[in-house]
Amino acid sequence: MNDLDPKAKLAHMAGQIARFFRPYPEDEAVTSIADHITQFWSRRMRDEFVAAFNDNDPTLEPRVGKALAQIRGKLAGGSAT
């Protein structure tokens, strides 16, 4: 993974989180993905992730794209540290 560009690394990491939550119902999985990224990624990583992708980016797993909208809301609301 060291050869991946920063955007690809973020997509890969978000995809790993999405795969963990694959057995969960859709709404619960999307919220859990967003919560995980908001709680455990650094502010810089979250900012880079939000800047690098749009909600419909085909390089993201569909649930990650949906979670991205929630992450944007959390960042805009100032609730993320």
PDB file of N, CA and C in Angstrom:
ATOM      1  N   MET A   1       0.821  -1.188   0.000  1.00  0.00           N
ATOM      2  CA  MET A   1       0.000   0.000   0.000  1.00  0.00           C
ATOM      3  C   MET A   1       0.864   1.251   0.000  1.00  0.00           C
ATOM      4  N   ASN A   2       2.120   1.172   0.275  1.00  0.00           N
ATOM      5  CA  ASN A   2       2.983   2.346   0.306  1.00  0.00           C
ATOM      6  C   ASN A   2       3.089   3.049  -1.030  1.00  0.00           C
ATOM      7  N   ASP A   3       2.838   2.324  -2.120  1.00  0.00           N
ATOM      8  CA  ASP A   3       2.945   2.926  -3.446  1.00  0.00           C
ATOM      9  C   ASP A   3       1.688   3.696  -3.858  1.00  0.00           C
ATOM     10  N   LEU A   4       0.627   3.605  -3.071  1.00  0.00           N
ATOM     11  CA  LEU A   4      -0.612   4.282  -3.414  1.00  0.00           C
ATOM     12  C   LEU A   4      -0.500   5.775  -3.147  1.00  0.00           C
ATOM     13  N   ASP A   5      -1.149   6.552  -3.993  1.00  0.00           N
ATOM     14  CA  ASP A   5      -1.179   7.992  -3.746  1.00  0.00           C
ATOM     15  C   ASP A   5      -2.084   8.247  -2.539  1.00  0.00           C
ATOM     16  N   PRO A   6      -1.998   9.429  -1.936  1.00  0.00           N
ATOM     17  CA  PRO A   6      -2.772   9.709  -0.721  1.00  0.00           C
ATOM     18  C   PRO A   6      -4.278   9.501  -0.891  1.00  0.00           C
ATOM     19  N   LYS A   7      -4.824   9.891  -2.028  1.00  0.00           N
ATOM     20  CA  LYS A   7      -6.260   9.714  -2.270  1.00  0.00           C
ATOM     21  C   LYS A   7      -6.606   8.226  -2.297  1.00  0.00           C
ATOM     22  N   ALA A   8      -5.791   7.435  -2.962  1.00  0.00           N
ATOM     23  CA  ALA A   8      -6.034   5.993  -3.032  1.00  0.00           C
ATOM     24  C   ALA A   8      -5.922   5.351  -1.654  1.00  0.00           C
ATOM     25  N   LYS A   9      -4.997   5.821  -0.827  1.00  0.00           N
ATOM     26  CA  LYS A   9      -4.859   5.289   0.531  1.00  0.00           C
ATOM     27  C   LYS A   9      -6.107   5.568   1.346  1.00  0.00           C
ATOM     28  N   LEU A  10      -6.626   6.790   1.238  1.00  0.00           N
ATOM     29  CA  LEU A  10      -7.842   7.131   1.984  1.00  0.00           C
ATOM     30  C   LEU A  10      -9.017   6.271   1.527  1.00  0.00           C
ATOM     31  N   ALA A  11      -9.147   6.081   0.220  1.00  0.00           N
ATOM     32  CA  ALA A  11     -10.222   5.240  -0.312  1.00  0.00           C
ATOM     33  C   ALA A  11     -10.072   3.802   0.176  1.00  0.00           C
ATOM     34  N   HIS A  12      -8.841   3.320   0.195  1.00  0.00           N
ATOM     35  CA  HIS A  12      -8.573   1.955   0.646  1.00  0.00           C
ATOM     36  C   HIS A  12      -8.939   1.795   2.123  1.00  0.00           C
ATOM     37  N   MET A  13      -8.515   2.733   2.946  1.00  0.00           N
ATOM     38  CA  MET A  13      -8.807   2.664   4.377  1.00  0.00           C
ATOM     39  C   MET A  13     -10.312   2.747   4.637  1.00  0.00           C
ATOM     40  N   ALA A  14     -10.996   3.645   3.950  1.00  0.00           N
ATOM     41  CA  ALA A  14     -12.444   3.766   4.106  1.00  0.00           C
ATOM     42  C   ALA A  14     -13.126   2.477   3.639  1.00  0.00           C
ATOM     43  N   GLY A  15     -12.605   1.877   2.592  1.00  0.00           N
ATOM     44  CA  GLY A  15     -13.151   0.613   2.104  1.00  0.00           C
ATOM     45  C   GLY A  15     -12.997  -0.514   3.113  1.00  0.00           C
ATOM     46  N   GLN A  16     -11.887  -0.526   3.831  1.00  0.00           N
ATOM     47  CA  GLN A  16     -11.691  -1.533   4.872  1.00  0.00           C
ATOM     48  C   GLN A  16     -12.750  -1.383   5.967  1.00  0.00           C
ATOM     49  N   ILE A  17     -13.034  -0.147   6.336  1.00  0.00           N
ATOM     50  CA  ILE A  17     -14.063   0.113   7.348  1.00  0.00           C
ATOM     51  C   ILE A  17     -15.417  -0.361   6.816  1.00  0.00           C
ATOM     52  N   ALA A  18     -15.714  -0.028   5.575  1.00  0.00           N
ATOM     53  CA  ALA A  18     -16.989  -0.440   4.975  1.00  0.00           C
ATOM     54  C   ALA A  18     -17.119  -1.957   4.942  1.00  0.00           C
ATOM     55  N   ARG A  19     -16.040  -2.652   4.632  1.00  0.00           N
ATOM     56  CA  ARG A  19     -16.094  -4.115   4.586  1.00  0.00           C
ATOM     57  C   ARG A  19     -16.380  -4.694   5.979  1.00  0.00           C
ATOM     58  N   PHE A  20     -15.846  -4.076   7.029  1.00  0.00           N
ATOM     59  CA  PHE A  20     -16.133  -4.535   8.382  1.00  0.00           C
ATOM     60  C   PHE A  20     -17.629  -4.457   8.673  1.00  0.00           C
ATOM     61  N   PHE A  21     -18.260  -3.375   8.215  1.00  0.00           N
ATOM     62  CA  PHE A  21     -19.677  -3.154   8.490  1.00  0.00           C
ATOM     63  C   PHE A  21     -20.602  -3.753   7.421  1.00  0.00           C
ATOM     64  N   ARG A  22     -20.068  -4.542   6.505  1.00  0.00           N
ATOM     65  CA  ARG A  22     -20.864  -5.137   5.431  1.00  0.00           C
ATOM     66  C   ARG A  22     -22.071  -5.920   5.938  1.00  0.00           C
ATOM     67  N   PRO A  23     -21.948  -6.698   7.036  1.00  0.00           N
ATOM     68  CA  PRO A  23     -23.119  -7.469   7.475  1.00  0.00           C
ATOM     69  C   PRO A  23     -24.226  -6.622   8.127  1.00  0.00           C
ATOM     70  N   TYR A  24     -23.938  -5.385   8.422  1.00  0.00           N
ATOM     71  CA  TYR A  24     -24.908  -4.533   9.107  1.00  0.00           C
ATOM     72  C   TYR A  24     -25.981  -4.047   8.128  1.00  0.00           C
ATOM     73  N   PRO A  25     -27.160  -3.727   8.649  1.00  0.00           N
ATOM     74  CA  PRO A  25     -28.173  -3.098   7.784  1.00  0.00           C
ATOM     75  C   PRO A  25     -27.634  -1.783   7.213  1.00  0.00           C
ATOM     76  N   GLU A  26     -28.125  -1.407   6.053  1.00  0.00           N
ATOM     77  CA  GLU A  26     -27.601  -0.250   5.311  1.00  0.00           C
ATOM     78  C   GLU A  26     -27.467   1.017   6.163  1.00  0.00           C
ATOM     79  N   ASP A  27     -28.547   1.459   6.775  1.00  0.00           N
ATOM     80  CA  ASP A  27     -28.506   2.717   7.532  1.00  0.00           C
ATOM     81  C   ASP A  27     -27.527   2.649   8.697  1.00  0.00           C
ATOM     82  N   GLU A  28     -27.524   1.530   9.398  1.00  0.00           N
ATOM     83  CA  GLU A  28     -26.614   1.358  10.532  1.00  0.00           C
ATOM     84  C   GLU A  28     -25.164   1.331  10.061  1.00  0.00           C
ATOM     85  N   ALA A  29     -24.909   0.667   8.958  1.00  0.00           N
ATOM     86  CA  ALA A  29     -23.548   0.590   8.425  1.00  0.00           C
ATOM     87  C   ALA A  29     -23.041   1.965   8.013  1.00  0.00           C
ATOM     88  N   VAL A  30     -23.858   2.720   7.298  1.00  0.00           N
ATOM     89  CA  VAL A  30     -23.453   4.048   6.832  1.00  0.00           C
ATOM     90  C   VAL A  30     -23.127   4.944   8.025  1.00  0.00           C
ATOM     91  N   THR A  31     -23.998   4.947   9.030  1.00  0.00           N
ATOM     92  CA  THR A  31     -23.752   5.768  10.216  1.00  0.00           C
ATOM     93  C   THR A  31     -22.512   5.293  10.961  1.00  0.00           C
ATOM     94  N   SER A  32     -22.311   3.993  11.043  1.00  0.00           N
ATOM     95  CA  SER A  32     -21.136   3.449  11.732  1.00  0.00           C
ATOM     96  C   SER A  32     -19.845   3.797  11.006  1.00  0.00           C
ATOM     97  N   ILE A  33     -19.863   3.763   9.695  1.00  0.00           N
ATOM     98  CA  ILE A  33     -18.687   4.150   8.909  1.00  0.00           C
ATOM     99  C   ILE A  33     -18.362   5.623   9.165  1.00  0.00           C
ATOM    100  N   ALA A  34     -19.383   6.463   9.086  1.00  0.00           N
ATOM    101  CA  ALA A  34     -19.180   7.898   9.324  1.00  0.00           C
ATOM    102  C   ALA A  34     -18.668   8.148  10.735  1.00  0.00           C
ATOM    103  N   ASP A  35     -19.261   7.476  11.715  1.00  0.00           N
ATOM    104  CA  ASP A  35     -18.827   7.652  13.105  1.00  0.00           C
ATOM    105  C   ASP A  35     -17.384   7.213  13.294  1.00  0.00           C
ATOM    106  N   HIS A  36     -17.022   6.076  12.695  1.00  0.00           N
ATOM    107  CA  HIS A  36     -15.654   5.576  12.839  1.00  0.00           C
ATOM    108  C   HIS A  36     -14.641   6.569  12.258  1.00  0.00           C
ATOM    109  N   ILE A  37     -14.908   7.030  11.066  1.00  0.00           N
ATOM    110  CA  ILE A  37     -13.987   7.976  10.430  1.00  0.00           C
ATOM    111  C   ILE A  37     -13.923   9.275  11.232  1.00  0.00           C
ATOM    112  N   THR A  38     -15.047   9.752  11.705  1.00  0.00           N
ATOM    113  CA  THR A  38     -15.085  10.994  12.467  1.00  0.00           C
ATOM    114  C   THR A  38     -14.342  10.851  13.791  1.00  0.00           C
ATOM    115  N   GLN A  39     -14.477   9.710  14.444  1.00  0.00           N
ATOM    116  CA  GLN A  39     -13.878   9.522  15.757  1.00  0.00           C
ATOM    117  C   GLN A  39     -12.405   9.128  15.721  1.00  0.00           C
ATOM    118  N   PHE A  40     -12.009   8.347  14.729  1.00  0.00           N
ATOM    119  CA  PHE A  40     -10.682   7.751  14.782  1.00  0.00           C
ATOM    120  C   PHE A  40      -9.678   8.281  13.763  1.00  0.00           C
ATOM    121  N   TRP A  41     -10.141   8.971  12.748  1.00  0.00           N
ATOM    122  CA  TRP A  41      -9.209   9.587  11.807  1.00  0.00           C
ATOM    123  C   TRP A  41      -8.856  10.977  12.326  1.00  0.00           C
ATOM    124  N   SER A  42      -7.637  11.382  12.071  1.00  0.00           N
ATOM    125  CA  SER A  42      -7.229  12.728  12.480  1.00  0.00           C
ATOM    126  C   SER A  42      -8.011  13.771  11.682  1.00  0.00           C
ATOM    127  N   ARG A  43      -8.046  14.977  12.211  1.00  0.00           N
ATOM    128  CA  ARG A  43      -8.754  16.057  11.512  1.00  0.00           C
ATOM    129  C   ARG A  43      -8.178  16.235  10.102  1.00  0.00           C
ATOM    130  N   ARG A  44      -6.872  16.161   9.993  1.00  0.00           N
ATOM    131  CA  ARG A  44      -6.224  16.316   8.686  1.00  0.00           C
ATOM    132  C   ARG A  44      -6.683  15.231   7.709  1.00  0.00           C
ATOM    133  N   MET A  45      -6.731  13.991   8.177  1.00  0.00           N
ATOM    134  CA  MET A  45      -7.179  12.894   7.306  1.00  0.00           C
ATOM    135  C   MET A  45      -8.627  13.103   6.876  1.00  0.00           C
ATOM    136  N   ARG A  46      -9.478  13.496   7.830  1.00  0.00           N
ATOM    137  CA  ARG A  46     -10.889  13.734   7.491  1.00  0.00           C
ATOM    138  C   ARG A  46     -11.011  14.864   6.484  1.00  0.00           C
ATOM    139  N   ASP A  47     -10.275  15.949   6.714  1.00  0.00           N
ATOM    140  CA  ASP A  47     -10.332  17.083   5.788  1.00  0.00           C
ATOM    141  C   ASP A  47      -9.870  16.679   4.390  1.00  0.00           C
ATOM    142  N   GLU A  48      -8.786  15.898   4.313  1.00  0.00           N
ATOM    143  CA  GLU A  48      -8.288  15.432   3.016  1.00  0.00           C
ATOM    144  C   GLU A  48      -9.301  14.501   2.346  1.00  0.00           C
ATOM    145  N   PHE A  49      -9.937  13.661   3.134  1.00  0.00           N
ATOM    146  CA  PHE A  49     -10.931  12.726   2.609  1.00  0.00           C
ATOM    147  C   PHE A  49     -12.116  13.486   2.020  1.00  0.00           C
ATOM    148  N   VAL A  50     -12.623  14.439   2.762  1.00  0.00           N
ATOM    149  CA  VAL A  50     -13.766  15.235   2.309  1.00  0.00           C
ATOM    150  C   VAL A  50     -13.406  16.037   1.060  1.00  0.00           C
ATOM    151  N   ALA A  51     -12.197  16.571   1.016  1.00  0.00           N
ATOM    152  CA  ALA A  51     -11.770  17.376  -0.132  1.00  0.00           C
ATOM    153  C   ALA A  51     -11.519  16.509  -1.372  1.00  0.00           C
ATOM    154  N   ALA A  52     -11.085  15.274  -1.173  1.00  0.00           N
ATOM    155  CA  ALA A  52     -10.671  14.424  -2.291  1.00  0.00           C
ATOM    156  C   ALA A  52     -11.828  13.740  -3.011  1.00  0.00           C
ATOM    157  N   PHE A  53     -12.959  13.555  -2.326  1.00  0.00           N
ATOM    158  CA  PHE A  53     -14.041  12.753  -2.890  1.00  0.00           C
ATOM    159  C   PHE A  53     -15.367  13.494  -2.851  1.00  0.00           C
ATOM    160  N   ASN A  54     -16.245  13.122  -3.779  1.00  0.00           N
ATOM    161  CA  ASN A  54     -17.636  13.560  -3.684  1.00  0.00           C
ATOM    162  C   ASN A  54     -18.459  12.334  -3.309  1.00  0.00           C
ATOM    163  N   ASP A  55     -19.686  12.563  -2.929  1.00  0.00           N
ATOM    164  CA  ASP A  55     -20.536  11.486  -2.418  1.00  0.00           C
ATOM    165  C   ASP A  55     -20.793  10.378  -3.439  1.00  0.00           C
ATOM    166  N   ASN A  56     -20.688  10.685  -4.713  1.00  0.00           N
ATOM    167  CA  ASN A  56     -20.949   9.705  -5.770  1.00  0.00           C
ATOM    168  C   ASN A  56     -19.686   9.221  -6.460  1.00  0.00           C
ATOM    169  N   ASP A  57     -18.546   9.390  -5.828  1.00  0.00           N
ATOM    170  CA  ASP A  57     -17.269   9.005  -6.441  1.00  0.00           C
ATOM    171  C   ASP A  57     -17.248   7.500  -6.695  1.00  0.00           C
ATOM    172  N   PRO A  58     -17.020   7.083  -7.926  1.00  0.00           N
ATOM    173  CA  PRO A  58     -17.043   5.649  -8.242  1.00  0.00           C
ATOM    174  C   PRO A  58     -15.880   4.868  -7.630  1.00  0.00           C
ATOM    175  N   THR A  59     -14.856   5.543  -7.143  1.00  0.00           N
ATOM    176  CA  THR A  59     -13.739   4.827  -6.523  1.00  0.00           C
ATOM    177  C   THR A  59     -14.036   4.452  -5.078  1.00  0.00           C
ATOM    178  N   LEU A  60     -15.113   4.995  -4.513  1.00  0.00           N
ATOM    179  CA  LEU A  60     -15.502   4.667  -3.146  1.00  0.00           C
ATOM    180  C   LEU A  60     -16.573   3.589  -3.149  1.00  0.00           C
ATOM    181  N   GLU A  61     -16.548   2.744  -2.139  1.00  0.00           N
ATOM    182  CA  GLU A  61     -17.640   1.804  -1.972  1.00  0.00           C
ATOM    183  C   GLU A  61     -18.915   2.612  -1.720  1.00  0.00           C
ATOM    184  N   PRO A  62     -20.056   2.154  -2.214  1.00  0.00           N
ATOM    185  CA  PRO A  62     -21.291   2.940  -2.108  1.00  0.00           C
ATOM    186  C   PRO A  62     -21.623   3.411  -0.690  1.00  0.00           C
ATOM    187  N   ARG A  63     -21.431   2.559   0.294  1.00  0.00           N
ATOM    188  CA  ARG A  63     -21.729   2.964   1.670  1.00  0.00           C
ATOM    189  C   ARG A  63     -20.768   4.047   2.159  1.00  0.00           C
ATOM    190  N   VAL A  64     -19.555   4.028   1.677  1.00  0.00           N
ATOM    191  CA  VAL A  64     -18.605   5.079   2.056  1.00  0.00           C
ATOM    192  C   VAL A  64     -19.064   6.408   1.472  1.00  0.00           C
ATOM    193  N   GLY A  65     -19.535   6.388   0.237  1.00  0.00           N
ATOM    194  CA  GLY A  65     -20.052   7.609  -0.369  1.00  0.00           C
ATOM    195  C   GLY A  65     -21.209   8.181   0.430  1.00  0.00           C
ATOM    196  N   LYS A  66     -22.098   7.299   0.890  1.00  0.00           N
ATOM    197  CA  LYS A  66     -23.222   7.751   1.709  1.00  0.00           C
ATOM    198  C   LYS A  66     -22.726   8.280   3.057  1.00  0.00           C
ATOM    199  N   ALA A  67     -21.733   7.624   3.626  1.00  0.00           N
ATOM    200  CA  ALA A  67     -21.175   8.071   4.904  1.00  0.00           C
ATOM    201  C   ALA A  67     -20.485   9.421   4.753  1.00  0.00           C
ATOM    202  N   LEU A  68     -19.913   9.661   3.592  1.00  0.00           N
ATOM    203  CA  LEU A  68     -19.217  10.926   3.347  1.00  0.00           C
ATOM    204  C   LEU A  68     -20.143  12.117   3.553  1.00  0.00           C
ATOM    205  N   ALA A  69     -21.390  11.994   3.156  1.00  0.00           N
ATOM    206  CA  ALA A  69     -22.356  13.079   3.366  1.00  0.00           C
ATOM    207  C   ALA A  69     -22.544  13.339   4.858  1.00  0.00           C
ATOM    208  N   GLN A  70     -22.597  12.282   5.658  1.00  0.00           N
ATOM    209  CA  GLN A  70     -22.729  12.445   7.106  1.00  0.00           C
ATOM    210  C   GLN A  70     -21.468  13.065   7.701  1.00  0.00           C
ATOM    211  N   ILE A  71     -20.314  12.666   7.198  1.00  0.00           N
ATOM    212  CA  ILE A  71     -19.046  13.216   7.694  1.00  0.00           C
ATOM    213  C   ILE A  71     -18.982  14.707   7.406  1.00  0.00           C
ATOM    214  N   ARG A  72     -19.382  15.093   6.202  1.00  0.00           N
ATOM    215  CA  ARG A  72     -19.411  16.521   5.859  1.00  0.00           C
ATOM    216  C   ARG A  72     -20.285  17.298   6.852  1.00  0.00           C
ATOM    217  N   GLY A  73     -21.428  16.746   7.178  1.00  0.00           N
ATOM    218  CA  GLY A  73     -22.329  17.389   8.124  1.00  0.00           C
ATOM    219  C   GLY A  73     -21.714  17.523   9.503  1.00  0.00           C
ATOM    220  N   LYS A  74     -21.029  16.487   9.951  1.00  0.00           N
ATOM    221  CA  LYS A  74     -20.374  16.532  11.253  1.00  0.00           C
ATOM    222  C   LYS A  74     -19.258  17.571  11.271  1.00  0.00           C
ATOM    223  N   LEU A  75     -18.493  17.646  10.198  1.00  0.00           N
ATOM    224  CA  LEU A  75     -17.401  18.618  10.137  1.00  0.00           C
ATOM    225  C   LEU A  75     -17.959  20.036  10.073  1.00  0.00           C
ATOM    226  N   ALA A  76     -19.019  20.224   9.317  1.00  0.00           N
ATOM    227  CA  ALA A  76     -19.626  21.548   9.195  1.00  0.00           C
ATOM    228  C   ALA A  76     -20.242  21.987  10.513  1.00  0.00           C
ATOM    229  N   GLY A  77     -20.764  21.005  11.271  1.00  0.00           N
ATOM    230  CA  GLY A  77     -21.382  21.321  12.540  1.00  0.00           C
ATOM    231  C   GLY A  77     -20.392  21.525  13.670  1.00  0.00           C
ATOM    232  N   GLY A  78     -19.115  21.219  13.391  1.00  0.00           N
ATOM    233  CA  GLY A  78     -18.075  21.441  14.392  1.00  0.00           C
ATOM    234  C   GLY A  78     -18.039  20.393  15.491  1.00  0.00           C
ATOM    235  N   SER A  79     -18.749  19.269  15.303  1.00  0.00           N
ATOM    236  CA  SER A  79     -18.793  18.270  16.359  1.00  0.00           C
ATOM    237  C   SER A  79     -17.600  17.315  16.316  1.00  0.00           C
ATOM    238  N   ALA A  80     -16.813  17.344  15.245  1.00  0.00           N
ATOM    239  CA  ALA A  80     -15.649  16.461  15.142  1.00  0.00           C
ATOM    240  C   ALA A  80     -14.440  17.172  15.720  1.00  0.00           C
ATOM    241  N   THR A  81     -13.594  16.376  16.356  1.00  0.00           N
ATOM    242  CA  THR A  81     -12.384  16.932  16.971  1.00  0.00           C
ATOM    243  C   THR A  81     -11.188  16.749  16.094  1.00  0.00           C
TER     244      THR A  81
END
